[in-house]
C-alpha cells in the first residue's frame, strides 16, 4: 500500500538510468553508485526525482 521513489539521470542525448526504492535517500545513493559502476559522468547528467528533496540531500556536507 506504500509507494516508491524514482530517481533518474539523463544525459544530453536523453539516455537515462532509472532507480526505484522505498526511501528517497537510498534511491539517490543507488543512482550515484550505479553511475560510478557504469562509468557515467555524474557531472554531465541531470538528476530527476519523483519526491520532494530536503536541504540535507541538496547541499553537500
N, C-alpha and C. Protein backbone atom coordinates (compact mmCIF):
# COMPACT_ATOMS: atom_id res chain seq x y z
N UNK A 1 0.81 -1.19 0.00
CA UNK A 1 0.00 0.00 0.00
C UNK A 1 0.85 1.26 0.00
N UNK A 2 2.16 1.08 0.07
CA UNK A 2 3.03 2.24 0.04
C UNK A 2 3.51 2.53 -1.36
N UNK A 3 4.23 3.59 -1.47
CA UNK A 3 4.77 3.98 -2.75
C UNK A 3 6.27 3.88 -2.77
N UNK A 4 6.82 4.12 -3.91
CA UNK A 4 8.27 4.14 -4.04
C UNK A 4 8.69 5.48 -4.63
N UNK A 5 9.95 5.77 -4.47
CA UNK A 5 10.53 6.98 -5.05
C UNK A 5 11.35 6.55 -6.25
N UNK A 6 11.27 7.33 -7.30
CA UNK A 6 12.02 7.05 -8.51
C UNK A 6 12.97 8.21 -8.76
N UNK A 7 14.21 7.87 -9.07
CA UNK A 7 15.19 8.88 -9.49
C UNK A 7 15.76 8.45 -10.82
N UNK A 8 16.17 9.42 -11.59
CA UNK A 8 16.74 9.13 -12.90
C UNK A 8 17.85 10.12 -13.20
N UNK A 9 18.79 9.69 -14.01
CA UNK A 9 19.84 10.57 -14.51
C UNK A 9 19.76 10.53 -16.03
N UNK A 10 19.69 11.69 -16.64
CA UNK A 10 19.61 11.79 -18.09
C UNK A 10 20.82 12.53 -18.63
N UNK A 11 21.36 12.03 -19.74
CA UNK A 11 22.46 12.74 -20.38
C UNK A 11 21.92 13.67 -21.46
N UNK A 12 22.82 14.33 -22.18
CA UNK A 12 22.43 15.31 -23.20
C UNK A 12 21.64 14.69 -24.35
N UNK A 13 21.79 13.39 -24.56
CA UNK A 13 21.09 12.72 -25.65
C UNK A 13 19.74 12.15 -25.22
N UNK A 14 19.41 12.30 -23.94
CA UNK A 14 18.14 11.80 -23.44
C UNK A 14 18.20 10.37 -22.92
N UNK A 15 19.38 9.76 -22.98
CA UNK A 15 19.53 8.41 -22.43
C UNK A 15 19.47 8.51 -20.92
N UNK A 16 18.77 7.56 -20.30
CA UNK A 16 18.62 7.66 -18.86
C UNK A 16 18.77 6.36 -18.11
N UNK A 17 19.01 6.50 -16.82
CA UNK A 17 19.06 5.39 -15.88
C UNK A 17 17.98 5.67 -14.85
N UNK A 18 17.16 4.66 -14.54
CA UNK A 18 16.09 4.81 -13.56
C UNK A 18 16.34 3.87 -12.39
N UNK A 19 16.16 4.40 -11.18
CA UNK A 19 16.31 3.62 -9.96
C UNK A 19 15.06 3.85 -9.11
N UNK A 20 14.59 2.78 -8.47
CA UNK A 20 13.39 2.86 -7.63
C UNK A 20 13.69 2.28 -6.25
N UNK A 21 13.20 2.94 -5.20
CA UNK A 21 13.39 2.44 -3.84
C UNK A 21 12.31 3.04 -2.95
N UNK A 22 12.08 2.43 -1.80
CA UNK A 22 11.07 2.97 -0.89
C UNK A 22 11.59 4.20 -0.14
N UNK A 23 12.88 4.40 -0.14
CA UNK A 23 13.49 5.55 0.52
C UNK A 23 14.09 6.49 -0.52
N UNK A 24 13.75 7.76 -0.44
CA UNK A 24 14.32 8.71 -1.42
C UNK A 24 15.82 8.82 -1.27
N UNK A 25 16.32 8.73 -0.03
CA UNK A 25 17.76 8.80 0.21
C UNK A 25 18.46 7.61 -0.44
N UNK A 26 17.92 6.41 -0.24
CA UNK A 26 18.54 5.21 -0.81
C UNK A 26 18.46 5.21 -2.33
N UNK A 27 17.36 5.71 -2.88
CA UNK A 27 17.22 5.76 -4.34
C UNK A 27 18.33 6.63 -4.95
N UNK A 28 18.59 7.77 -4.34
CA UNK A 28 19.65 8.65 -4.85
C UNK A 28 21.01 8.00 -4.69
N UNK A 29 21.24 7.38 -3.53
CA UNK A 29 22.52 6.69 -3.31
C UNK A 29 22.73 5.58 -4.33
N UNK A 30 21.68 4.82 -4.61
CA UNK A 30 21.77 3.73 -5.60
C UNK A 30 22.06 4.28 -7.00
N UNK A 31 21.44 5.40 -7.33
CA UNK A 31 21.68 6.01 -8.64
C UNK A 31 23.13 6.45 -8.77
N UNK A 32 23.64 7.10 -7.75
CA UNK A 32 25.04 7.55 -7.79
C UNK A 32 25.97 6.35 -7.90
N UNK A 33 25.71 5.31 -7.12
CA UNK A 33 26.53 4.09 -7.19
C UNK A 33 26.49 3.44 -8.55
N UNK A 34 25.31 3.39 -9.16
CA UNK A 34 25.17 2.80 -10.49
C UNK A 34 25.95 3.62 -11.52
N UNK A 35 25.88 4.93 -11.43
CA UNK A 35 26.64 5.79 -12.35
C UNK A 35 28.14 5.54 -12.20
N UNK A 36 28.60 5.43 -10.97
CA UNK A 36 30.03 5.19 -10.75
C UNK A 36 30.43 3.83 -11.31
N UNK A 37 29.65 2.80 -11.03
CA UNK A 37 29.97 1.44 -11.51
C UNK A 37 29.98 1.35 -13.03
N UNK A 38 29.10 2.12 -13.69
CA UNK A 38 29.00 2.05 -15.14
C UNK A 38 29.84 3.12 -15.85
N UNK A 39 30.60 3.89 -15.08
CA UNK A 39 31.48 4.89 -15.67
C UNK A 39 30.74 6.09 -16.27
N UNK A 40 29.59 6.39 -15.74
CA UNK A 40 28.79 7.52 -16.23
C UNK A 40 29.19 8.77 -15.46
N UNK A 41 29.55 9.82 -16.18
CA UNK A 41 29.97 11.07 -15.55
C UNK A 41 28.75 11.77 -14.95
N UNK A 42 28.67 11.77 -13.63
CA UNK A 42 27.53 12.36 -12.94
C UNK A 42 27.41 13.85 -13.26
N UNK A 43 28.54 14.52 -13.41
CA UNK A 43 28.52 15.97 -13.66
C UNK A 43 27.94 16.31 -15.03
N UNK A 44 27.80 15.33 -15.91
CA UNK A 44 27.27 15.57 -17.25
C UNK A 44 25.83 15.09 -17.39
N UNK A 45 25.17 14.81 -16.27
CA UNK A 45 23.79 14.32 -16.29
C UNK A 45 22.90 15.22 -15.45
N UNK A 46 21.61 15.10 -15.67
CA UNK A 46 20.62 15.83 -14.90
C UNK A 46 19.90 14.82 -14.02
N UNK A 47 19.75 15.13 -12.73
CA UNK A 47 19.05 14.28 -11.80
C UNK A 47 17.59 14.70 -11.73
N UNK A 48 16.70 13.72 -11.88
CA UNK A 48 15.26 13.96 -11.80
C UNK A 48 14.71 13.03 -10.72
N UNK A 49 13.87 13.55 -9.83
CA UNK A 49 13.30 12.70 -8.79
C UNK A 49 11.78 12.88 -8.72
N UNK A 50 11.13 11.86 -8.19
CA UNK A 50 9.67 11.91 -8.04
C UNK A 50 9.26 12.41 -6.67
N UNK A 51 10.21 12.79 -5.85
CA UNK A 51 9.88 13.18 -4.47
C UNK A 51 10.46 14.56 -4.16
N UNK A 52 9.94 15.12 -3.08
CA UNK A 52 10.50 16.39 -2.62
C UNK A 52 11.89 16.11 -2.05
N UNK A 53 12.73 17.09 -2.09
CA UNK A 53 14.10 16.92 -1.59
C UNK A 53 14.34 17.82 -0.40
N UNK A 54 15.02 17.30 0.58
CA UNK A 54 15.35 18.07 1.76
C UNK A 54 16.65 18.84 1.55
N UNK A 55 16.87 19.78 2.40
CA UNK A 55 18.11 20.57 2.35
C UNK A 55 19.33 19.67 2.45
N UNK A 56 19.26 18.64 3.29
CA UNK A 56 20.40 17.74 3.50
C UNK A 56 20.78 16.97 2.25
N UNK A 57 19.82 16.70 1.37
CA UNK A 57 20.14 15.97 0.15
C UNK A 57 20.71 16.87 -0.94
N UNK A 58 20.42 18.15 -0.89
CA UNK A 58 20.81 19.04 -1.96
C UNK A 58 22.13 19.78 -1.72
N UNK A 59 22.51 19.94 -0.47
CA UNK A 59 23.73 20.66 -0.13
C UNK A 59 24.79 19.67 0.31
N UNK A 60 25.95 19.63 -0.36
CA UNK A 60 26.98 18.70 0.07
C UNK A 60 27.50 19.04 1.46
N UNK A 61 27.94 18.02 2.21
CA UNK A 61 28.45 18.27 3.57
C UNK A 61 29.71 19.10 3.57
